C-alpha atoms as a PDB file:
ATOM      1  CA  MET A   1      39.068 108.964 100.123  1.00  0.00           C
ATOM      2  CA  VAL A   2      42.539 110.160 101.161  1.00  0.00           C
ATOM      3  CA  GLN A   3      41.099 111.209 104.527  1.00  0.00           C
ATOM      4  CA  ARG A   4      39.718 107.711 105.128  1.00  0.00           C
ATOM      5  CA  TYR A   5      43.058 106.182 104.202  1.00  0.00           C
ATOM      6  CA  ARG A   6      44.843 108.429 106.705  1.00  0.00           C
ATOM      7  CA  TYR A   7      42.417 107.497 109.480  1.00  0.00           C
ATOM      8  CA  ALA A   8      42.723 103.804 108.662  1.00  0.00           C
ATOM      9  CA  LEU A   9      46.520 104.062 108.700  1.00  0.00           C
ATOM     10  CA  LEU A  10      46.454 105.982 111.976  1.00  0.00           C
ATOM     11  CA  LEU A  11      44.126 103.398 113.525  1.00  0.00           C
ATOM     12  CA  PHE A  12      46.348 100.557 112.321  1.00  0.00           C
ATOM     13  CA  CYS A  13      49.475 102.200 113.781  1.00  0.00           C
ATOM     14  CA  PHE A  14      47.755 102.872 117.092  1.00  0.00           C
ATOM     15  CA  THR A  15      46.535  99.286 117.279  1.00  0.00           C
ATOM     16  CA  MET A  16      50.002  97.912 116.544  1.00  0.00           C
ATOM     17  CA  VAL A  17      51.722 100.122 119.115  1.00  0.00           C
ATOM     18  CA  TYR A  18      49.097  99.520 121.794  1.00  0.00           C
ATOM     19  CA  GLY A  19      48.924  95.798 121.084  1.00  0.00           C
ATOM     20  CA  LEU A  20      52.679  95.336 121.172  1.00  0.00           C
ATOM     21  CA  SER A  21      53.106  97.365 124.335  1.00  0.00           C
ATOM     22  CA  SER A  22      50.443  95.348 126.145  1.00  0.00           C
ATOM     23  CA  ILE A  23      52.228  92.060 125.488  1.00  0.00           C
ATOM     24  CA  SER A  24      55.793  93.347 125.762  1.00  0.00           C
ATOM     25  CA  HIS A  25      56.354  91.955 129.252  1.00  0.00           C
ATOM     26  CA  PHE A  26      55.586  88.444 127.992  1.00  0.00           C
ATOM     27  CA  VAL A  27      58.009  88.792 125.105  1.00  0.00           C
ATOM     28  CA  PHE A  28      60.642  90.363 127.357  1.00  0.00           C
ATOM     29  CA  ALA A  29      60.300  87.549 129.886  1.00  0.00           C
ATOM     30  CA  ALA A  30      62.140  85.238 127.539  1.00  0.00           C
ATOM     31  CA  GLY A  31      64.861  87.882 127.205  1.00  0.00           C
ATOM     32  CA  GLY A  32      65.639  88.350 130.903  1.00  0.00           C
ATOM     33  CA  ASP A  33      69.248  87.884 131.998  1.00  0.00           C
ATOM     34  CA  ALA A  34      69.485  84.603 133.930  1.00  0.00           C
ATOM     35  CA  GLY A  35      72.912  85.590 135.305  1.00  0.00           C
ATOM     36  CA  LYS A  36      71.509  88.733 136.886  1.00  0.00           C
ATOM     37  CA  GLY A  37      68.453  86.772 137.969  1.00  0.00           C
ATOM     38  CA  LYS A  38      70.623  84.218 139.756  1.00  0.00           C
ATOM     39  CA  ALA A  39      72.234  86.937 141.878  1.00  0.00           C
ATOM     40  CA  ILE A  40      68.813  88.325 142.823  1.00  0.00           C
ATOM     41  CA  PHE A  41      67.480  84.822 143.496  1.00  0.00           C
ATOM     42  CA  GLN A  42      70.423  84.052 145.789  1.00  0.00           C
ATOM     43  CA  ALA A  43      69.883  87.286 147.697  1.00  0.00           C
ATOM     44  CA  LYS A  44      66.095  87.170 148.021  1.00  0.00           C
ATOM     45  CA  CYS A  45      64.709  83.704 147.284  1.00  0.00           C
ATOM     46  CA  VAL A  46      67.126  81.027 148.516  1.00  0.00           C
ATOM     47  CA  THR A  47      65.893  81.191 152.115  1.00  0.00           C
ATOM     48  CA  CYS A  48      62.613  79.643 151.012  1.00  0.00           C
ATOM     49  CA  HIS A  49      63.230  78.060 147.609  1.00  0.00           C
ATOM     50  CA  GLY A  50      66.768  76.745 148.228  1.00  0.00           C
ATOM     51  CA  ALA A  51      69.851  77.112 146.047  1.00  0.00           C
ATOM     52  CA  GLN A  52      68.534  74.685 143.409  1.00  0.00           C
ATOM     53  CA  GLY A  53      64.938  75.964 143.551  1.00  0.00           C
ATOM     54  CA  LYS A  54      63.598  72.757 145.112  1.00  0.00           C
ATOM     55  CA  GLY A  55      61.718  74.513 147.909  1.00  0.00           C
ATOM     56  CA  ASP A  56      64.235  73.205 150.425  1.00  0.00           C
ATOM     57  CA  GLY A  57      65.698  76.451 151.728  1.00  0.00           C
ATOM     58  CA  PRO A  58      66.310  76.873 155.471  1.00  0.00           C
ATOM     59  CA  ILE A  59      62.660  77.788 156.072  1.00  0.00           C
ATOM     60  CA  GLY A  60      61.090  76.508 152.826  1.00  0.00           C
ATOM     61  CA  LYS A  61      59.832  73.154 154.108  1.00  0.00           C
ATOM     62  CA  GLN A  62      58.596  74.652 157.381  1.00  0.00           C
ATOM     63  CA  LEU A  63      56.197  76.977 155.582  1.00  0.00           C
ATOM     64  CA  LYS A  64      52.529  76.031 155.274  1.00  0.00           C
ATOM     65  CA  PRO A  65      52.188  75.374 152.395  1.00  0.00           C
ATOM     66  CA  PRO A  66      55.880  74.685 151.698  1.00  0.00           C
ATOM     67  CA  ALA A  67      57.840  76.880 149.284  1.00  0.00           C
ATOM     68  CA  GLY A  68      57.446  76.070 145.607  1.00  0.00           C
ATOM     69  CA  ASP A  69      59.733  73.510 143.998  1.00  0.00           C
ATOM     70  CA  PHE A  70      60.630  74.745 140.506  1.00  0.00           C
ATOM     71  CA  THR A  71      61.908  71.294 139.527  1.00  0.00           C
ATOM     72  CA  SER A  72      58.576  69.571 140.234  1.00  0.00           C
ATOM     73  CA  ALA A  73      56.234  68.328 137.522  1.00  0.00           C
ATOM     74  CA  GLU A  74      53.543  70.682 138.839  1.00  0.00           C
ATOM     75  CA  SER A  75      55.794  73.714 138.496  1.00  0.00           C
ATOM     76  CA  LYS A  76      56.934  72.697 135.021  1.00  0.00           C
ATOM     77  CA  LYS A  77      53.296  72.785 133.879  1.00  0.00           C
ATOM     78  CA  LYS A  78      53.060  76.502 134.671  1.00  0.00           C
ATOM     79  CA  SER A  79      53.517  78.921 131.795  1.00  0.00           C
ATOM     80  CA  ASP A  80      56.058  81.725 131.851  1.00  0.00           C
ATOM     81  CA  ALA A  81      53.148  84.143 132.265  1.00  0.00           C
ATOM     82  CA  GLU A  82      51.867  82.279 135.342  1.00  0.00           C
ATOM     83  CA  LEU A  83      55.308  82.301 136.956  1.00  0.00           C
ATOM     84  CA  LEU A  84      55.708  85.977 136.126  1.00  0.00           C
ATOM     85  CA  ASP A  85      52.381  86.723 137.787  1.00  0.00           C
ATOM     86  CA  VAL A  86      53.400  84.906 140.977  1.00  0.00           C
ATOM     87  CA  ILE A  87      56.732  86.744 141.114  1.00  0.00           C
ATOM     88  CA  GLN A  88      55.042  90.088 140.564  1.00  0.00           C
ATOM     89  CA  ASN A  89      51.931  89.637 142.701  1.00  0.00           C
ATOM     90  CA  GLY A  90      52.778  86.887 145.174  1.00  0.00           C
ATOM     91  CA  LYS A  91      50.508  83.977 145.952  1.00  0.00           C
ATOM     92  CA  PRO A  92      47.582  84.409 148.358  1.00  0.00           C
ATOM     93  CA  LYS A  93      47.455  82.221 151.472  1.00  0.00           C
ATOM     94  CA  THR A  94      51.178  81.412 151.162  1.00  0.00           C
ATOM     95  CA  ALA A  95      54.432  83.037 152.256  1.00  0.00           C
ATOM     96  CA  MET A  96      55.155  84.087 148.651  1.00  0.00           C
ATOM     97  CA  VAL A  97      55.197  87.867 148.662  1.00  0.00           C
ATOM     98  CA  ALA A  98      54.678  90.240 145.744  1.00  0.00           C
ATOM     99  CA  TRP A  99      57.989  91.523 144.398  1.00  0.00           C
ATOM    100  CA  LYS A 100      56.640  94.180 142.030  1.00  0.00           C
ATOM    101  CA  SER A 101      57.107  96.939 144.605  1.00  0.00           C
ATOM    102  CA  GLN A 102      60.569  95.743 145.621  1.00  0.00           C
ATOM    103  CA  LEU A 103      62.152  94.826 142.282  1.00  0.00           C
ATOM    104  CA  SER A 104      62.160  96.658 138.963  1.00  0.00           C
ATOM    105  CA  GLU A 105      60.415  95.091 135.973  1.00  0.00           C
ATOM    106  CA  ALA A 106      63.823  94.235 134.497  1.00  0.00           C
ATOM    107  CA  GLU A 107      64.889  92.525 137.731  1.00  0.00           C
ATOM    108  CA  ILE A 108      61.663  90.523 137.800  1.00  0.00           C
ATOM    109  CA  GLN A 109      62.308  89.431 134.208  1.00  0.00           C
ATOM    110  CA  ASP A 110      65.846  88.431 135.198  1.00  0.00           C
ATOM    111  CA  VAL A 111      64.540  86.345 138.118  1.00  0.00           C
ATOM    112  CA  LEU A 112      62.016  84.684 135.812  1.00  0.00           C
ATOM    113  CA  ALA A 113      64.776  83.857 133.321  1.00  0.00           C
ATOM    114  CA  TYR A 114      66.797  82.248 136.109  1.00  0.00           C
ATOM    115  CA  VAL A 115      63.833  80.322 137.534  1.00  0.00           C
ATOM    116  CA  LEU A 116      63.197  78.897 134.080  1.00  0.00           C
ATOM    117  CA  THR A 117      66.747  77.471 134.064  1.00  0.00           C
ATOM    118  CA  LEU A 118      65.981  75.623 137.310  1.00  0.00           C
ATOM    119  CA  ARG A 119      63.081  73.763 135.706  1.00  0.00           C
ATOM    120  CA  LYS A 120      65.305  71.778 133.354  1.00  0.00           C
END
């Protein structure tokens, strides 16, 4: 009986640790530093998305399709997880590149936190 209890406890602990680690990037997304994200955004994203995130950067409107406008109704419908995925993996058939090989996970979370401030 004690043996079964130990295995059940071990299984529960494993499940909790594994489960929490698999969703940690979604929880952390809300905790990114928007101030740090703004600096990264200004250095890497403004050319396409513009200073206010309206997709009106120097080359943003010339792109086919145009750069995303974070203030649009369409963008506001996207979940944090969807935005995170686009930042990490890019968007096929657009100029939006994947940043996961160029930015750390913390930097990506910071950019997401800043982008979320632009939606308001």
